[in-house]
Amino acid sequence: MIFKLFTLPFRSIIKLGEKIQEEVDQELYDLHIIQQQLIELHMMYELEEIDEEAYVLREQELLERYKIAKEREKNELLED
């Protein structure tokens, strides 16, 4: 009983951390958000708001996130 009282705050912090991580992952790997960011990036490049080097680097990052998001989506479908 006393052990539960002492560990309750730690378990609550861990659960909160897990929830935050889940929310961050969801936003980071949301296909719709990534697609929007790719469109915005392309527009910025076309309007010469960013140079080619910045464009290529950011595009690579977004495409990698897109790849991971698609893989996660595929895995979720297989689990169901």
PDB file of N, CA and C in Angstrom:
ATOM      1  N   MET A   1       0.823  -1.188   0.000  1.00  0.00           N
ATOM      2  CA  MET A   1       0.000   0.000   0.000  1.00  0.00           C
ATOM      3  C   MET A   1       0.869   1.254   0.000  1.00  0.00           C
ATOM      4  N   ILE A   2       1.846   1.298   0.884  1.00  0.00           N
ATOM      5  CA  ILE A   2       2.735   2.463   0.959  1.00  0.00           C
ATOM      6  C   ILE A   2       3.550   2.581  -0.326  1.00  0.00           C
ATOM      7  N   PHE A   3       3.959   1.452  -0.866  1.00  0.00           N
ATOM      8  CA  PHE A   3       4.718   1.462  -2.118  1.00  0.00           C
ATOM      9  C   PHE A   3       3.914   2.125  -3.231  1.00  0.00           C
ATOM     10  N   LYS A   4       2.632   1.805  -3.303  1.00  0.00           N
ATOM     11  CA  LYS A   4       1.768   2.400  -4.334  1.00  0.00           C
ATOM     12  C   LYS A   4       1.674   3.914  -4.158  1.00  0.00           C
ATOM     13  N   LEU A   5       1.613   4.376  -2.929  1.00  0.00           N
ATOM     14  CA  LEU A   5       1.548   5.810  -2.679  1.00  0.00           C
ATOM     15  C   LEU A   5       2.809   6.526  -3.151  1.00  0.00           C
ATOM     16  N   PHE A   6       3.959   5.878  -2.952  1.00  0.00           N
ATOM     17  CA  PHE A   6       5.218   6.492  -3.356  1.00  0.00           C
ATOM     18  C   PHE A   6       5.436   6.440  -4.863  1.00  0.00           C
ATOM     19  N   THR A   7       4.946   5.396  -5.513  1.00  0.00           N
ATOM     20  CA  THR A   7       5.183   5.253  -6.954  1.00  0.00           C
ATOM     21  C   THR A   7       4.112   5.926  -7.802  1.00  0.00           C
ATOM     22  N   LEU A   8       3.008   6.322  -7.204  1.00  0.00           N
ATOM     23  CA  LEU A   8       1.924   6.947  -7.961  1.00  0.00           C
ATOM     24  C   LEU A   8       2.383   8.186  -8.723  1.00  0.00           C
ATOM     25  N   PRO A   9       3.119   9.101  -8.110  1.00  0.00           N
ATOM     26  CA  PRO A   9       3.568  10.278  -8.872  1.00  0.00           C
ATOM     27  C   PRO A   9       4.464   9.909 -10.064  1.00  0.00           C
ATOM     28  N   PHE A  10       5.316   8.922  -9.872  1.00  0.00           N
ATOM     29  CA  PHE A  10       6.205   8.507 -10.949  1.00  0.00           C
ATOM     30  C   PHE A  10       5.427   7.873 -12.092  1.00  0.00           C
ATOM     31  N   ARG A  11       4.471   7.051 -11.753  1.00  0.00           N
ATOM     32  CA  ARG A  11       3.654   6.414 -12.802  1.00  0.00           C
ATOM     33  C   ARG A  11       2.858   7.466 -13.555  1.00  0.00           C
ATOM     34  N   SER A  12       2.369   8.480 -12.855  1.00  0.00           N
ATOM     35  CA  SER A  12       1.621   9.554 -13.501  1.00  0.00           C
ATOM     36  C   SER A  12       2.514  10.340 -14.456  1.00  0.00           C
ATOM     37  N   ILE A  13       3.723  10.598 -14.049  1.00  0.00           N
ATOM     38  CA  ILE A  13       4.676  11.313 -14.907  1.00  0.00           C
ATOM     39  C   ILE A  13       5.006  10.476 -16.133  1.00  0.00           C
ATOM     40  N   ILE A  14       5.189   9.199 -15.948  1.00  0.00           N
ATOM     41  CA  ILE A  14       5.499   8.315 -17.070  1.00  0.00           C
ATOM     42  C   ILE A  14       4.327   8.271 -18.045  1.00  0.00           C
ATOM     43  N   LYS A  15       3.108   8.152 -17.534  1.00  0.00           N
ATOM     44  CA  LYS A  15       1.927   8.139 -18.396  1.00  0.00           C
ATOM     45  C   LYS A  15       1.790   9.457 -19.159  1.00  0.00           C
ATOM     46  N   LEU A  16       2.061  10.571 -18.490  1.00  0.00           N
ATOM     47  CA  LEU A  16       2.008  11.872 -19.146  1.00  0.00           C
ATOM     48  C   LEU A  16       3.056  11.956 -20.249  1.00  0.00           C
ATOM     49  N   GLY A  17       4.246  11.498 -19.971  1.00  0.00           N
ATOM     50  CA  GLY A  17       5.315  11.489 -20.978  1.00  0.00           C
ATOM     51  C   GLY A  17       4.955  10.638 -22.178  1.00  0.00           C
ATOM     52  N   GLU A  18       4.338   9.478 -21.926  1.00  0.00           N
ATOM     53  CA  GLU A  18       3.915   8.605 -23.024  1.00  0.00           C
ATOM     54  C   GLU A  18       2.844   9.273 -23.872  1.00  0.00           C
ATOM     55  N   LYS A  19       1.921   9.969 -23.230  1.00  0.00           N
ATOM     56  CA  LYS A  19       0.847  10.667 -23.949  1.00  0.00           C
ATOM     57  C   LYS A  19       1.422  11.798 -24.800  1.00  0.00           C
ATOM     58  N   ILE A  20       2.357  12.542 -24.241  1.00  0.00           N
ATOM     59  CA  ILE A  20       2.994  13.621 -24.989  1.00  0.00           C
ATOM     60  C   ILE A  20       3.739  13.053 -26.197  1.00  0.00           C
ATOM     61  N   GLN A  21       4.469  11.967 -25.989  1.00  0.00           N
ATOM     62  CA  GLN A  21       5.207  11.333 -27.089  1.00  0.00           C
ATOM     63  C   GLN A  21       4.250  10.860 -28.184  1.00  0.00           C
ATOM     64  N   GLU A  22       3.134  10.308 -27.785  1.00  0.00           N
ATOM     65  CA  GLU A  22       2.121   9.846 -28.736  1.00  0.00           C
ATOM     66  C   GLU A  22       1.584  11.013 -29.576  1.00  0.00           C
ATOM     67  N   GLU A  23       1.296  12.135 -28.918  1.00  0.00           N
ATOM     68  CA  GLU A  23       0.778  13.319 -29.621  1.00  0.00           C
ATOM     69  C   GLU A  23       1.828  13.883 -30.580  1.00  0.00           C
ATOM     70  N   VAL A  24       3.080  13.942 -30.145  1.00  0.00           N
ATOM     71  CA  VAL A  24       4.159  14.454 -30.993  1.00  0.00           C
ATOM     72  C   VAL A  24       4.332  13.558 -32.216  1.00  0.00           C
ATOM     73  N   ASP A  25       4.356  12.248 -31.996  1.00  0.00           N
ATOM     74  CA  ASP A  25       4.484  11.307 -33.107  1.00  0.00           C
ATOM     75  C   ASP A  25       3.330  11.444 -34.087  1.00  0.00           C
ATOM     76  N   GLN A  26       2.131  11.607 -33.553  1.00  0.00           N
ATOM     77  CA  GLN A  26       0.960  11.721 -34.406  1.00  0.00           C
ATOM     78  C   GLN A  26       1.073  12.954 -35.311  1.00  0.00           C
ATOM     79  N   GLU A  27       1.509  14.065 -34.743  1.00  0.00           N
ATOM     80  CA  GLU A  27       1.642  15.283 -35.543  1.00  0.00           C
ATOM     81  C   GLU A  27       2.835  15.193 -36.490  1.00  0.00           C
ATOM     82  N   LEU A  28       3.924  14.645 -36.020  1.00  0.00           N
ATOM     83  CA  LEU A  28       5.134  14.546 -36.824  1.00  0.00           C
ATOM     84  C   LEU A  28       4.948  13.632 -38.026  1.00  0.00           C
ATOM     85  N   TYR A  29       4.141  12.597 -37.863  1.00  0.00           N
ATOM     86  CA  TYR A  29       3.965  11.608 -38.924  1.00  0.00           C
ATOM     87  C   TYR A  29       2.549  11.601 -39.492  1.00  0.00           C
ATOM     88  N   ASP A  30       1.867  12.723 -39.423  1.00  0.00           N
ATOM     89  CA  ASP A  30       0.538  12.853 -40.024  1.00  0.00           C
ATOM     90  C   ASP A  30       0.717  13.109 -41.512  1.00  0.00           C
ATOM     91  N   LEU A  31       0.177  12.202 -42.342  1.00  0.00           N
ATOM     92  CA  LEU A  31       0.372  12.301 -43.787  1.00  0.00           C
ATOM     93  C   LEU A  31      -0.154  13.617 -44.352  1.00  0.00           C
ATOM     94  N   HIS A  32      -1.303  14.045 -43.880  1.00  0.00           N
ATOM     95  CA  HIS A  32      -1.896  15.285 -44.384  1.00  0.00           C
ATOM     96  C   HIS A  32      -1.001  16.485 -44.069  1.00  0.00           C
ATOM     97  N   ILE A  33      -0.482  16.543 -42.870  1.00  0.00           N
ATOM     98  CA  ILE A  33       0.398  17.644 -42.474  1.00  0.00           C
ATOM     99  C   ILE A  33       1.673  17.642 -43.317  1.00  0.00           C
ATOM    100  N   ILE A  34       2.241  16.468 -43.521  1.00  0.00           N
ATOM    101  CA  ILE A  34       3.466  16.366 -44.319  1.00  0.00           C
ATOM    102  C   ILE A  34       3.205  16.809 -45.758  1.00  0.00           C
ATOM    103  N   GLN A  35       2.082  16.394 -46.325  1.00  0.00           N
ATOM    104  CA  GLN A  35       1.739  16.798 -47.686  1.00  0.00           C
ATOM    105  C   GLN A  35       1.599  18.319 -47.776  1.00  0.00           C
ATOM    106  N   GLN A  36       0.942  18.911 -46.784  1.00  0.00           N
ATOM    107  CA  GLN A  36       0.785  20.369 -46.763  1.00  0.00           C
ATOM    108  C   GLN A  36       2.142  21.055 -46.683  1.00  0.00           C
ATOM    109  N   GLN A  37       3.028  20.511 -45.863  1.00  0.00           N
ATOM    110  CA  GLN A  37       4.352  21.108 -45.714  1.00  0.00           C
ATOM    111  C   GLN A  37       5.160  20.995 -47.010  1.00  0.00           C
ATOM    112  N   LEU A  38       4.989  19.896 -47.727  1.00  0.00           N
ATOM    113  CA  LEU A  38       5.669  19.751 -49.016  1.00  0.00           C
ATOM    114  C   LEU A  38       5.160  20.781 -50.023  1.00  0.00           C
ATOM    115  N   ILE A  39       3.864  20.992 -50.040  1.00  0.00           N
ATOM    116  CA  ILE A  39       3.273  21.989 -50.939  1.00  0.00           C
ATOM    117  C   ILE A  39       3.785  23.382 -50.586  1.00  0.00           C
ATOM    118  N   GLU A  40       3.762  23.713 -49.304  1.00  0.00           N
ATOM    119  CA  GLU A  40       4.246  25.025 -48.857  1.00  0.00           C
ATOM    120  C   GLU A  40       5.727  25.214 -49.199  1.00  0.00           C
ATOM    121  N   LEU A  41       6.504  24.156 -49.003  1.00  0.00           N
ATOM    122  CA  LEU A  41       7.924  24.220 -49.317  1.00  0.00           C
ATOM    123  C   LEU A  41       8.137  24.497 -50.797  1.00  0.00           C
ATOM    124  N   HIS A  42       7.401  23.804 -51.638  1.00  0.00           N
ATOM    125  CA  HIS A  42       7.521  24.001 -53.082  1.00  0.00           C
ATOM    126  C   HIS A  42       7.134  25.436 -53.470  1.00  0.00           C
ATOM    127  N   MET A  43       6.081  25.928 -52.862  1.00  0.00           N
ATOM    128  CA  MET A  43       5.662  27.305 -53.145  1.00  0.00           C
ATOM    129  C   MET A  43       6.745  28.303 -52.722  1.00  0.00           C
ATOM    130  N   MET A  44       7.336  28.080 -51.570  1.00  0.00           N
ATOM    131  CA  MET A  44       8.400  28.970 -51.100  1.00  0.00           C
ATOM    132  C   MET A  44       9.575  28.970 -52.070  1.00  0.00           C
ATOM    133  N   TYR A  45       9.901  27.791 -52.590  1.00  0.00           N
ATOM    134  CA  TYR A  45      10.997  27.692 -53.551  1.00  0.00           C
ATOM    135  C   TYR A  45      10.636  28.402 -54.848  1.00  0.00           C
ATOM    136  N   GLU A  46       9.442  28.177 -55.335  1.00  0.00           N
ATOM    137  CA  GLU A  46       8.992  28.819 -56.578  1.00  0.00           C
ATOM    138  C   GLU A  46       8.959  30.344 -56.445  1.00  0.00           C
ATOM    139  N   LEU A  47       8.620  30.835 -55.274  1.00  0.00           N
ATOM    140  CA  LEU A  47       8.577  32.282 -55.036  1.00  0.00           C
ATOM    141  C   LEU A  47       9.941  32.839 -54.635  1.00  0.00           C
ATOM    142  N   GLU A  48      10.959  31.960 -54.681  1.00  0.00           N
ATOM    143  CA  GLU A  48      12.344  32.318 -54.350  1.00  0.00           C
ATOM    144  C   GLU A  48      12.497  32.846 -52.928  1.00  0.00           C
ATOM    145  N   GLU A  49      11.690  32.308 -52.019  1.00  0.00           N
ATOM    146  CA  GLU A  49      11.812  32.665 -50.606  1.00  0.00           C
ATOM    147  C   GLU A  49      12.911  31.855 -49.925  1.00  0.00           C
ATOM    148  N   ILE A  50      13.244  30.715 -50.534  1.00  0.00           N
ATOM    149  CA  ILE A  50      14.351  29.889 -50.042  1.00  0.00           C
ATOM    150  C   ILE A  50      15.198  29.475 -51.232  1.00  0.00           C
ATOM    151  N   ASP A  51      16.469  29.190 -50.964  1.00  0.00           N
ATOM    152  CA  ASP A  51      17.342  28.768 -52.058  1.00  0.00           C
ATOM    153  C   ASP A  51      17.228  27.263 -52.291  1.00  0.00           C
ATOM    154  N   GLU A  52      17.873  26.802 -53.337  1.00  0.00           N
ATOM    155  CA  GLU A  52      17.753  25.393 -53.737  1.00  0.00           C
ATOM    156  C   GLU A  52      18.310  24.453 -52.671  1.00  0.00           C
ATOM    157  N   GLU A  53      19.401  24.840 -52.052  1.00  0.00           N
ATOM    158  CA  GLU A  53      20.010  23.974 -51.030  1.00  0.00           C
ATOM    159  C   GLU A  53      19.057  23.768 -49.856  1.00  0.00           C
ATOM    160  N   ALA A  54      18.450  24.839 -49.364  1.00  0.00           N
ATOM    161  CA  ALA A  54      17.493  24.731 -48.258  1.00  0.00           C
ATOM    162  C   ALA A  54      16.276  23.918 -48.681  1.00  0.00           C
ATOM    163  N   TYR A  55      15.855  24.123 -49.914  1.00  0.00           N
ATOM    164  CA  TYR A  55      14.709  23.386 -50.442  1.00  0.00           C
ATOM    165  C   TYR A  55      14.982  21.881 -50.449  1.00  0.00           C
ATOM    166  N   VAL A  56      16.128  21.504 -50.988  1.00  0.00           N
ATOM    167  CA  VAL A  56      16.476  20.085 -51.109  1.00  0.00           C
ATOM    168  C   VAL A  56      16.595  19.436 -49.729  1.00  0.00           C
ATOM    169  N   LEU A  57      17.246  20.116 -48.806  1.00  0.00           N
ATOM    170  CA  LEU A  57      17.411  19.560 -47.459  1.00  0.00           C
ATOM    171  C   LEU A  57      16.053  19.347 -46.772  1.00  0.00           C
ATOM    172  N   ARG A  58      15.206  20.362 -46.818  1.00  0.00           N
ATOM    173  CA  ARG A  58      13.886  20.273 -46.177  1.00  0.00           C
ATOM    174  C   ARG A  58      13.019  19.229 -46.874  1.00  0.00           C
ATOM    175  N   GLU A  59      13.109  19.168 -48.199  1.00  0.00           N
ATOM    176  CA  GLU A  59      12.326  18.182 -48.947  1.00  0.00           C
ATOM    177  C   GLU A  59      12.736  16.769 -48.560  1.00  0.00           C
ATOM    178  N   GLN A  60      14.025  16.527 -48.429  1.00  0.00           N
ATOM    179  CA  GLN A  60      14.513  15.204 -48.032  1.00  0.00           C
ATOM    180  C   GLN A  60      13.976  14.822 -46.658  1.00  0.00           C
ATOM    181  N   GLU A  61      13.998  15.781 -45.741  1.00  0.00           N
ATOM    182  CA  GLU A  61      13.482  15.526 -44.390  1.00  0.00           C
ATOM    183  C   GLU A  61      11.995  15.172 -44.439  1.00  0.00           C
ATOM    184  N   LEU A  62      11.229  15.959 -45.189  1.00  0.00           N
ATOM    185  CA  LEU A  62       9.783  15.715 -45.273  1.00  0.00           C
ATOM    186  C   LEU A  62       9.479  14.396 -45.962  1.00  0.00           C
ATOM    187  N   LEU A  63      10.227  14.068 -47.005  1.00  0.00           N
ATOM    188  CA  LEU A  63       9.999  12.803 -47.703  1.00  0.00           C
ATOM    189  C   LEU A  63      10.352  11.607 -46.817  1.00  0.00           C
ATOM    190  N   GLU A  64      11.371  11.763 -45.991  1.00  0.00           N
ATOM    191  CA  GLU A  64      11.716  10.690 -45.050  1.00  0.00           C
ATOM    192  C   GLU A  64      10.593  10.498 -44.025  1.00  0.00           C
ATOM    193  N   ARG A  65      10.066  11.607 -43.508  1.00  0.00           N
ATOM    194  CA  ARG A  65       8.930  11.524 -42.578  1.00  0.00           C
ATOM    195  C   ARG A  65       7.715  10.913 -43.261  1.00  0.00           C
ATOM    196  N   TYR A  66       7.503  11.262 -44.527  1.00  0.00           N
ATOM    197  CA  TYR A  66       6.378  10.710 -45.282  1.00  0.00           C
ATOM    198  C   TYR A  66       6.530   9.193 -45.419  1.00  0.00           C
ATOM    199  N   LYS A  67       7.734   8.766 -45.724  1.00  0.00           N
ATOM    200  CA  LYS A  67       8.015   7.330 -45.863  1.00  0.00           C
ATOM    201  C   LYS A  67       7.722   6.598 -44.543  1.00  0.00           C
ATOM    202  N   ILE A  68       8.182   7.173 -43.448  1.00  0.00           N
ATOM    203  CA  ILE A  68       7.941   6.572 -42.132  1.00  0.00           C
ATOM    204  C   ILE A  68       6.451   6.557 -41.830  1.00  0.00           C
ATOM    205  N   ALA A  69       5.759   7.636 -42.147  1.00  0.00           N
ATOM    206  CA  ALA A  69       4.319   7.719 -41.890  1.00  0.00           C
ATOM    207  C   ALA A  69       3.558   6.663 -42.678  1.00  0.00           C
ATOM    208  N   LYS A  70       3.939   6.474 -43.933  1.00  0.00           N
ATOM    209  CA  LYS A  70       3.276   5.453 -44.752  1.00  0.00           C
ATOM    210  C   LYS A  70       3.537   4.057 -44.188  1.00  0.00           C
ATOM    211  N   GLU A  71       4.748   3.832 -43.723  1.00  0.00           N
ATOM    212  CA  GLU A  71       5.098   2.541 -43.134  1.00  0.00           C
ATOM    213  C   GLU A  71       4.300   2.301 -41.849  1.00  0.00           C
ATOM    214  N   ARG A  72       4.162   3.341 -41.035  1.00  0.00           N
ATOM    215  CA  ARG A  72       3.377   3.223 -39.799  1.00  0.00           C
ATOM    216  C   ARG A  72       1.910   2.946 -40.122  1.00  0.00           C
ATOM    217  N   GLU A  73       1.394   3.636 -41.139  1.00  0.00           N
ATOM    218  CA  GLU A  73       0.008   3.431 -41.550  1.00  0.00           C
ATOM    219  C   GLU A  73      -0.198   1.991 -42.023  1.00  0.00           C
ATOM    220  N   LYS A  74       0.747   1.492 -42.783  1.00  0.00           N
ATOM    221  CA  LYS A  74       0.684   0.107 -43.275  1.00  0.00           C
ATOM    222  C   LYS A  74       0.698  -0.880 -42.106  1.00  0.00           C
ATOM    223  N   ASN A  75       1.566  -0.642 -41.133  1.00  0.00           N
ATOM    224  CA  ASN A  75       1.645  -1.524 -39.964  1.00  0.00           C
ATOM    225  C   ASN A  75       0.362  -1.501 -39.143  1.00  0.00           C
ATOM    226  N   GLU A  76      -0.241  -0.321 -39.018  1.00  0.00           N
ATOM    227  CA  GLU A  76      -1.506  -0.203 -38.271  1.00  0.00           C
ATOM    228  C   GLU A  76      -2.608  -0.996 -38.963  1.00  0.00           C
ATOM    229  N   LEU A  77      -2.626  -0.967 -40.285  1.00  0.00           N
ATOM    230  CA  LEU A  77      -3.641  -1.714 -41.028  1.00  0.00           C
ATOM    231  C   LEU A  77      -3.449  -3.213 -40.864  1.00  0.00           C
ATOM    232  N   LEU A  78      -2.188  -3.643 -40.800  1.00  0.00           N
ATOM    233  CA  LEU A  78      -1.898  -5.067 -40.619  1.00  0.00           C
ATOM    234  C   LEU A  78      -2.275  -5.543 -39.225  1.00  0.00           C
ATOM    235  N   GLU A  79      -2.175  -4.652 -38.236  1.00  0.00           N
ATOM    236  CA  GLU A  79      -2.529  -5.020 -36.856  1.00  0.00           C
ATOM    237  C   GLU A  79      -4.030  -5.184 -36.676  1.00  0.00           C
ATOM    238  N   ASP A  80      -4.809  -4.456 -37.466  1.00  0.00           N
ATOM    239  CA  ASP A  80      -6.276  -4.523 -37.329  1.00  0.00           C
ATOM    240  C   ASP A  80      -6.807  -5.747 -37.948  1.00  0.00           C
TER     241      ASP A  80
END
